[in-house]
N, C-alpha and C. Protein backbone atom coordinates (compact mmCIF):
# COMPACT_ATOMS: atom_id res chain seq x y z
N MET A 1 -215.41 67.59 19.25
CA MET A 1 -214.50 66.65 18.68
C MET A 1 -214.37 66.94 17.19
N SER A 2 -213.20 67.16 16.73
CA SER A 2 -212.98 67.52 15.33
C SER A 2 -212.37 66.33 14.59
N GLN A 3 -212.93 66.07 13.42
CA GLN A 3 -212.44 64.95 12.63
C GLN A 3 -212.49 65.38 11.17
N GLY A 4 -211.33 65.50 10.57
CA GLY A 4 -211.28 65.92 9.17
C GLY A 4 -211.81 67.32 8.94
N GLY A 5 -211.75 68.20 9.93
CA GLY A 5 -212.17 69.57 9.75
C GLY A 5 -213.62 69.84 10.08
N GLN A 6 -214.41 68.80 10.39
CA GLN A 6 -215.80 69.05 10.74
C GLN A 6 -216.05 68.64 12.19
N THR A 7 -217.01 69.29 12.82
CA THR A 7 -217.32 69.02 14.20
C THR A 7 -218.35 67.91 14.31
N ILE A 8 -218.09 66.99 15.24
CA ILE A 8 -219.00 65.87 15.46
C ILE A 8 -219.40 65.89 16.93
N SER A 9 -220.68 65.79 17.18
CA SER A 9 -221.18 65.76 18.56
C SER A 9 -220.86 64.42 19.19
N VAL A 10 -220.49 64.44 20.48
CA VAL A 10 -220.20 63.17 21.16
C VAL A 10 -221.45 62.30 21.25
N ASN A 11 -222.61 62.91 21.17
CA ASN A 11 -223.86 62.14 21.21
C ASN A 11 -224.03 61.27 19.97
N ASP A 12 -223.34 61.64 18.86
CA ASP A 12 -223.44 60.89 17.62
C ASP A 12 -222.46 59.72 17.56
N LEU A 13 -221.54 59.64 18.51
CA LEU A 13 -220.54 58.58 18.51
C LEU A 13 -221.09 57.32 19.17
N ASP A 14 -220.60 56.16 18.71
CA ASP A 14 -221.02 54.92 19.37
C ASP A 14 -220.13 54.66 20.58
N VAL A 15 -220.43 53.59 21.33
CA VAL A 15 -219.73 53.32 22.59
C VAL A 15 -218.23 53.12 22.36
N ALA A 16 -217.85 52.39 21.32
CA ALA A 16 -216.43 52.14 21.05
C ALA A 16 -215.69 53.44 20.74
N GLN A 17 -216.31 54.31 19.94
CA GLN A 17 -215.68 55.58 19.60
C GLN A 17 -215.57 56.47 20.85
N LEU A 18 -216.61 56.47 21.68
CA LEU A 18 -216.57 57.24 22.92
C LEU A 18 -215.45 56.74 23.84
N ALA A 19 -215.29 55.42 23.90
CA ALA A 19 -214.24 54.85 24.74
C ALA A 19 -212.86 55.28 24.22
N ASP A 20 -212.70 55.34 22.89
CA ASP A 20 -211.43 55.79 22.32
C ASP A 20 -211.17 57.26 22.65
N VAL A 21 -212.19 58.08 22.53
CA VAL A 21 -212.05 59.51 22.84
C VAL A 21 -211.72 59.69 24.33
N ARG A 22 -212.37 58.88 25.16
CA ARG A 22 -212.13 58.95 26.62
C ARG A 22 -210.68 58.56 26.92
N LYS A 23 -210.19 57.52 26.26
CA LYS A 23 -208.80 57.10 26.46
C LYS A 23 -207.84 58.20 26.05
N GLN A 24 -208.12 58.85 24.92
CA GLN A 24 -207.27 59.95 24.46
C GLN A 24 -207.29 61.10 25.47
N LEU A 25 -208.47 61.41 25.98
CA LEU A 25 -208.58 62.48 26.99
C LEU A 25 -207.81 62.13 28.25
N GLU A 26 -207.86 60.86 28.67
CA GLU A 26 -207.12 60.43 29.86
C GLU A 26 -205.62 60.62 29.65
N GLU A 27 -205.14 60.25 28.45
CA GLU A 27 -203.72 60.40 28.15
C GLU A 27 -203.32 61.88 28.17
N GLU A 28 -204.15 62.73 27.59
CA GLU A 28 -203.87 64.17 27.60
C GLU A 28 -203.84 64.70 29.03
N LEU A 29 -204.82 64.27 29.83
CA LEU A 29 -204.87 64.71 31.23
C LEU A 29 -203.64 64.27 31.99
N ASN A 30 -203.21 63.02 31.78
CA ASN A 30 -202.00 62.54 32.46
C ASN A 30 -200.79 63.36 32.06
N HIS A 31 -200.67 63.64 30.78
CA HIS A 31 -199.54 64.44 30.30
C HIS A 31 -199.57 65.85 30.90
N LEU A 32 -200.73 66.48 30.89
CA LEU A 32 -200.86 67.83 31.44
C LEU A 32 -200.59 67.85 32.94
N THR A 33 -201.06 66.83 33.64
CA THR A 33 -200.85 66.76 35.09
C THR A 33 -199.37 66.57 35.40
N ASN A 34 -198.69 65.74 34.61
CA ASN A 34 -197.24 65.56 34.80
C ASN A 34 -196.50 66.86 34.51
N SER A 35 -196.90 67.57 33.48
CA SER A 35 -196.28 68.86 33.16
C SER A 35 -196.48 69.85 34.29
N PHE A 36 -197.67 69.84 34.87
CA PHE A 36 -197.98 70.73 35.99
C PHE A 36 -197.04 70.44 37.16
N ALA A 37 -196.86 69.15 37.47
CA ALA A 37 -195.98 68.76 38.57
C ALA A 37 -194.54 69.19 38.30
N GLN A 38 -194.09 69.03 37.06
CA GLN A 38 -192.72 69.43 36.71
C GLN A 38 -192.54 70.95 36.83
N LEU A 39 -193.55 71.70 36.41
CA LEU A 39 -193.47 73.15 36.55
C LEU A 39 -193.43 73.56 38.02
N LYS A 40 -194.22 72.88 38.85
CA LYS A 40 -194.21 73.17 40.29
C LYS A 40 -192.82 72.91 40.88
N GLN A 41 -192.18 71.82 40.45
CA GLN A 41 -190.83 71.51 40.93
C GLN A 41 -189.84 72.58 40.49
N ALA A 42 -189.94 73.01 39.24
CA ALA A 42 -189.05 74.06 38.74
C ALA A 42 -189.25 75.35 39.52
N GLN A 43 -190.51 75.66 39.80
CA GLN A 43 -190.82 76.87 40.55
C GLN A 43 -190.23 76.79 41.96
N ALA A 44 -190.34 75.63 42.58
CA ALA A 44 -189.78 75.44 43.93
C ALA A 44 -188.26 75.60 43.90
N LYS A 45 -187.63 75.10 42.83
CA LYS A 45 -186.18 75.24 42.68
C LYS A 45 -185.78 76.71 42.60
N PHE A 46 -186.51 77.48 41.80
CA PHE A 46 -186.19 78.90 41.67
C PHE A 46 -186.47 79.67 42.97
N LYS A 47 -187.51 79.28 43.69
CA LYS A 47 -187.77 79.91 44.99
C LYS A 47 -186.64 79.60 45.97
N ALA A 48 -186.11 78.38 45.91
CA ALA A 48 -184.96 78.02 46.75
C ALA A 48 -183.74 78.85 46.37
N CYS A 49 -183.58 79.13 45.08
CA CYS A 49 -182.47 79.97 44.63
C CYS A 49 -182.60 81.39 45.20
N ILE A 50 -183.83 81.89 45.24
CA ILE A 50 -184.06 83.23 45.82
C ILE A 50 -183.64 83.22 47.29
N ASP A 51 -184.04 82.16 48.00
CA ASP A 51 -183.65 82.04 49.42
C ASP A 51 -182.13 81.97 49.56
N ASN A 52 -181.49 81.21 48.67
CA ASN A 52 -180.04 81.05 48.75
C ASN A 52 -179.31 82.36 48.48
N VAL A 53 -179.77 83.10 47.49
CA VAL A 53 -179.15 84.41 47.21
C VAL A 53 -179.37 85.34 48.40
N GLY A 54 -180.53 85.24 49.04
CA GLY A 54 -180.80 86.06 50.22
C GLY A 54 -179.88 85.73 51.39
N GLU A 55 -179.34 84.51 51.42
CA GLU A 55 -178.43 84.11 52.50
C GLU A 55 -177.01 84.64 52.29
N VAL A 56 -176.71 85.08 51.07
CA VAL A 56 -175.37 85.63 50.80
C VAL A 56 -175.40 87.08 51.27
N LYS A 57 -174.77 87.32 52.42
CA LYS A 57 -174.83 88.65 53.05
C LYS A 57 -173.42 89.20 53.23
N PRO A 58 -173.29 90.52 53.22
CA PRO A 58 -171.96 91.13 53.40
C PRO A 58 -171.28 90.69 54.70
N GLN A 59 -172.03 90.44 55.76
CA GLN A 59 -171.42 90.05 57.03
C GLN A 59 -170.80 88.64 56.97
N ASN A 60 -171.11 87.89 55.89
CA ASN A 60 -170.54 86.55 55.73
C ASN A 60 -169.27 86.54 54.88
N ALA A 61 -168.77 87.71 54.51
CA ALA A 61 -167.56 87.79 53.68
C ALA A 61 -166.39 87.17 54.42
N ASP A 62 -165.59 86.42 53.71
CA ASP A 62 -164.38 85.75 54.21
C ASP A 62 -164.66 84.70 55.27
N LYS A 63 -165.91 84.32 55.48
CA LYS A 63 -166.23 83.23 56.38
C LYS A 63 -166.25 81.92 55.59
N THR A 64 -165.95 80.83 56.25
CA THR A 64 -166.01 79.53 55.60
C THR A 64 -167.47 79.10 55.52
N ILE A 65 -167.87 78.69 54.33
CA ILE A 65 -169.25 78.24 54.11
C ILE A 65 -169.21 76.90 53.38
N LEU A 66 -170.34 76.21 53.34
CA LEU A 66 -170.44 74.98 52.55
C LEU A 66 -171.03 75.33 51.19
N VAL A 67 -170.32 74.96 50.15
CA VAL A 67 -170.73 75.26 48.78
C VAL A 67 -171.33 73.99 48.17
N PRO A 68 -172.58 74.05 47.70
CA PRO A 68 -173.18 72.84 47.13
C PRO A 68 -172.63 72.55 45.73
N LEU A 69 -172.13 71.33 45.55
CA LEU A 69 -171.72 70.89 44.22
C LEU A 69 -172.86 70.14 43.55
N THR A 70 -173.60 69.39 44.35
CA THR A 70 -174.82 68.70 43.90
C THR A 70 -175.83 68.86 45.03
N ASN A 71 -176.99 68.20 44.91
CA ASN A 71 -177.99 68.29 45.97
C ASN A 71 -177.52 67.66 47.28
N SER A 72 -176.57 66.74 47.19
CA SER A 72 -176.14 66.05 48.41
C SER A 72 -174.65 66.18 48.70
N LEU A 73 -173.90 66.88 47.87
CA LEU A 73 -172.46 67.02 48.06
C LEU A 73 -172.09 68.49 48.24
N TYR A 74 -171.48 68.78 49.39
CA TYR A 74 -171.07 70.13 49.72
C TYR A 74 -169.57 70.13 50.03
N VAL A 75 -168.88 71.22 49.65
CA VAL A 75 -167.47 71.36 49.97
C VAL A 75 -167.27 72.71 50.67
N PRO A 76 -166.26 72.78 51.55
CA PRO A 76 -166.01 74.06 52.22
C PRO A 76 -165.43 75.09 51.25
N GLY A 77 -165.80 76.33 51.45
CA GLY A 77 -165.29 77.41 50.62
C GLY A 77 -165.40 78.73 51.36
N LYS A 78 -164.79 79.77 50.82
CA LYS A 78 -164.88 81.10 51.43
C LYS A 78 -165.63 82.03 50.51
N LEU A 79 -166.47 82.83 51.10
CA LEU A 79 -167.25 83.82 50.35
C LEU A 79 -166.40 85.07 50.23
N SER A 80 -165.81 85.27 49.05
CA SER A 80 -164.87 86.38 48.88
C SER A 80 -165.58 87.69 48.52
N ASP A 81 -166.66 87.61 47.74
CA ASP A 81 -167.38 88.82 47.34
C ASP A 81 -168.88 88.56 47.50
N PRO A 82 -169.46 89.01 48.61
CA PRO A 82 -170.88 88.73 48.86
C PRO A 82 -171.84 89.52 47.98
N ASP A 83 -171.31 90.47 47.18
CA ASP A 83 -172.18 91.25 46.31
C ASP A 83 -172.40 90.58 44.96
N ARG A 84 -171.59 89.60 44.63
CA ARG A 84 -171.69 88.92 43.34
C ARG A 84 -171.96 87.44 43.57
N VAL A 85 -172.86 86.90 42.72
CA VAL A 85 -173.19 85.48 42.79
C VAL A 85 -173.16 84.90 41.38
N ILE A 86 -173.03 83.60 41.30
CA ILE A 86 -173.06 82.89 40.03
C ILE A 86 -174.49 82.37 39.85
N VAL A 87 -175.09 82.69 38.70
CA VAL A 87 -176.47 82.33 38.43
C VAL A 87 -176.51 81.30 37.30
N ASP A 88 -177.24 80.21 37.53
CA ASP A 88 -177.46 79.19 36.51
C ASP A 88 -178.56 79.71 35.59
N VAL A 89 -178.19 80.02 34.34
CA VAL A 89 -179.17 80.55 33.40
C VAL A 89 -179.72 79.45 32.48
N GLY A 90 -179.35 78.21 32.75
CA GLY A 90 -179.90 77.08 32.00
C GLY A 90 -178.92 76.48 31.02
N THR A 91 -179.19 75.25 30.66
CA THR A 91 -178.39 74.45 29.72
C THR A 91 -176.89 74.48 30.01
N GLY A 92 -176.54 74.48 31.30
CA GLY A 92 -175.14 74.41 31.68
C GLY A 92 -174.39 75.73 31.62
N TYR A 93 -175.09 76.84 31.44
CA TYR A 93 -174.44 78.15 31.39
C TYR A 93 -174.65 78.88 32.72
N TYR A 94 -173.57 79.53 33.17
CA TYR A 94 -173.60 80.28 34.41
C TYR A 94 -173.13 81.70 34.13
N VAL A 95 -173.74 82.65 34.83
CA VAL A 95 -173.40 84.06 34.63
C VAL A 95 -173.20 84.70 36.00
N GLU A 96 -172.20 85.55 36.10
CA GLU A 96 -171.98 86.28 37.34
C GLU A 96 -172.90 87.49 37.35
N LYS A 97 -173.62 87.66 38.45
CA LYS A 97 -174.53 88.80 38.58
C LYS A 97 -174.40 89.41 39.97
N MET A 98 -174.81 90.64 40.04
CA MET A 98 -174.91 91.29 41.35
C MET A 98 -176.12 90.68 42.06
N ARG A 99 -176.11 90.68 43.37
CA ARG A 99 -177.19 90.04 44.13
C ARG A 99 -178.58 90.54 43.72
N PRO A 100 -178.81 91.87 43.61
CA PRO A 100 -180.16 92.32 43.22
C PRO A 100 -180.57 91.82 41.83
N GLN A 101 -179.61 91.77 40.91
CA GLN A 101 -179.90 91.25 39.57
C GLN A 101 -180.25 89.76 39.63
N ALA A 102 -179.54 89.01 40.46
CA ALA A 102 -179.82 87.58 40.61
C ALA A 102 -181.21 87.36 41.20
N LEU A 103 -181.53 88.16 42.21
CA LEU A 103 -182.87 88.05 42.82
C LEU A 103 -183.96 88.36 41.80
N LYS A 104 -183.73 89.39 40.98
CA LYS A 104 -184.71 89.74 39.95
C LYS A 104 -184.82 88.62 38.92
N HIS A 105 -183.69 88.05 38.53
CA HIS A 105 -183.69 86.95 37.56
C HIS A 105 -184.55 85.79 38.06
N TYR A 106 -184.31 85.38 39.28
CA TYR A 106 -185.07 84.24 39.82
C TYR A 106 -186.53 84.59 40.10
N SER A 107 -186.78 85.82 40.53
CA SER A 107 -188.17 86.25 40.75
C SER A 107 -188.94 86.27 39.44
N ASP A 108 -188.30 86.74 38.37
CA ASP A 108 -188.94 86.73 37.05
C ASP A 108 -189.26 85.31 36.60
N LYS A 109 -188.34 84.40 36.87
CA LYS A 109 -188.56 82.98 36.51
C LYS A 109 -189.77 82.43 37.27
N VAL A 110 -189.83 82.73 38.58
CA VAL A 110 -190.95 82.24 39.40
C VAL A 110 -192.26 82.80 38.88
N GLU A 111 -192.28 84.09 38.54
CA GLU A 111 -193.49 84.74 38.03
C GLU A 111 -193.90 84.15 36.68
N TYR A 112 -192.94 83.91 35.80
CA TYR A 112 -193.22 83.34 34.49
C TYR A 112 -193.82 81.93 34.64
N ILE A 113 -193.23 81.14 35.50
CA ILE A 113 -193.75 79.79 35.73
C ILE A 113 -195.14 79.86 36.34
N GLN A 114 -195.37 80.81 37.24
CA GLN A 114 -196.70 80.94 37.86
C GLN A 114 -197.76 81.22 36.81
N LYS A 115 -197.46 82.07 35.86
CA LYS A 115 -198.42 82.36 34.78
C LYS A 115 -198.70 81.10 33.97
N ASN A 116 -197.65 80.34 33.67
CA ASN A 116 -197.83 79.09 32.93
C ASN A 116 -198.63 78.07 33.75
N LEU A 117 -198.39 78.04 35.05
CA LEU A 117 -199.14 77.12 35.91
C LEU A 117 -200.63 77.46 35.91
N GLU A 118 -200.93 78.75 35.95
CA GLU A 118 -202.34 79.17 35.95
C GLU A 118 -203.02 78.78 34.64
N THR A 119 -202.33 79.01 33.52
CA THR A 119 -202.87 78.64 32.21
C THR A 119 -203.07 77.13 32.13
N LEU A 120 -202.07 76.40 32.59
CA LEU A 120 -202.14 74.94 32.55
C LEU A 120 -203.24 74.41 33.47
N GLU A 121 -203.42 75.05 34.61
CA GLU A 121 -204.47 74.64 35.54
C GLU A 121 -205.86 74.82 34.90
N ASP A 122 -206.04 75.93 34.19
CA ASP A 122 -207.30 76.15 33.48
C ASP A 122 -207.54 75.07 32.43
N THR A 123 -206.49 74.74 31.70
CA THR A 123 -206.59 73.70 30.67
C THR A 123 -206.94 72.36 31.29
N ILE A 124 -206.29 72.03 32.40
CA ILE A 124 -206.57 70.76 33.09
C ILE A 124 -208.02 70.73 33.58
N THR A 125 -208.50 71.83 34.12
CA THR A 125 -209.89 71.90 34.60
C THR A 125 -210.86 71.67 33.45
N LYS A 126 -210.61 72.31 32.31
CA LYS A 126 -211.48 72.13 31.14
C LYS A 126 -211.46 70.68 30.66
N LYS A 127 -210.27 70.09 30.63
CA LYS A 127 -210.15 68.69 30.20
C LYS A 127 -210.89 67.77 31.17
N ARG A 128 -210.80 68.05 32.47
CA ARG A 128 -211.51 67.23 33.46
C ARG A 128 -213.02 67.37 33.28
N ASP A 129 -213.47 68.59 33.02
CA ASP A 129 -214.91 68.80 32.76
C ASP A 129 -215.35 68.01 31.53
N ASN A 130 -214.53 68.08 30.47
CA ASN A 130 -214.83 67.32 29.26
C ASN A 130 -214.87 65.82 29.55
N MET A 131 -213.94 65.38 30.38
CA MET A 131 -213.88 63.96 30.74
C MET A 131 -215.14 63.54 31.49
N GLY A 132 -215.58 64.38 32.42
CA GLY A 132 -216.81 64.08 33.17
C GLY A 132 -218.02 64.01 32.25
N TYR A 133 -218.13 64.96 31.35
CA TYR A 133 -219.24 64.99 30.41
C TYR A 133 -219.21 63.75 29.53
N LEU A 134 -218.04 63.44 29.01
CA LEU A 134 -217.87 62.28 28.13
C LEU A 134 -218.20 60.98 28.88
N THR A 135 -217.78 60.87 30.12
CA THR A 135 -218.06 59.68 30.92
C THR A 135 -219.56 59.52 31.13
N ASN A 136 -220.24 60.64 31.39
CA ASN A 136 -221.71 60.58 31.56
C ASN A 136 -222.39 60.10 30.28
N ILE A 137 -221.99 60.63 29.16
CA ILE A 137 -222.57 60.22 27.87
C ILE A 137 -222.30 58.73 27.63
N LEU A 138 -221.07 58.30 27.92
CA LEU A 138 -220.69 56.90 27.74
C LEU A 138 -221.53 55.99 28.63
N GLN A 139 -221.72 56.38 29.87
CA GLN A 139 -222.54 55.58 30.78
C GLN A 139 -223.99 55.51 30.31
N GLN A 140 -224.51 56.63 29.83
CA GLN A 140 -225.88 56.64 29.32
C GLN A 140 -226.04 55.71 28.12
N LYS A 141 -225.06 55.74 27.22
CA LYS A 141 -225.13 54.88 26.02
C LYS A 141 -225.02 53.41 26.40
N ILE A 142 -224.13 53.09 27.34
CA ILE A 142 -223.99 51.69 27.79
C ILE A 142 -225.28 51.23 28.46
N GLN A 143 -225.85 52.09 29.29
CA GLN A 143 -227.12 51.76 29.97
C GLN A 143 -228.24 51.57 28.96
N ALA A 144 -228.29 52.41 27.95
CA ALA A 144 -229.33 52.29 26.91
C ALA A 144 -229.14 50.99 26.12
N GLN A 145 -227.89 50.61 25.87
CA GLN A 145 -227.63 49.37 25.15
C GLN A 145 -228.08 48.15 25.96
N THR A 146 -227.75 48.15 27.25
CA THR A 146 -228.13 47.00 28.09
C THR A 146 -229.65 46.93 28.26
N GLN A 147 -230.32 48.07 28.32
CA GLN A 147 -231.78 48.07 28.45
C GLN A 147 -232.44 47.60 27.16
N SER A 148 -231.87 47.95 26.01
CA SER A 148 -232.46 47.55 24.74
C SER A 148 -232.26 46.06 24.48
N LYS A 149 -231.21 45.48 25.06
CA LYS A 149 -230.98 44.04 24.92
C LYS A 149 -231.88 43.22 25.83
N SER A 150 -232.38 43.84 26.90
CA SER A 150 -233.23 43.13 27.86
C SER A 150 -234.63 42.89 27.35
């Protein structure tokens, strides 16, 4: 625990200070866990994009297909060029790419998110370990206080 540039042992903190540190750790853990869930959702979205690009095949040219406008709204359309797809590159921008380029784009995104997920998972594990250690120290201090009052 760092305070003003110097390190302080959790054993030197009183019960109220330990409770504050524990609360801060809980908030950090909640934030990190929410971020992890959001990254997992983004990764699933990009994996679905890979599947969707894989469904665009030359044999489906000029066939009527359902084009998604939103997650729940589809309109009929014709696949005029199965070698080119429109790729959402973020913040409302779309780019036309060849199918292999689109697959690579989405695969790179999935891989990038996976690396971030692994880093975040390590951080969450360390924070949980810190939380367990801090909780043990807090319980010991509370137990020592109640025994000294008896």
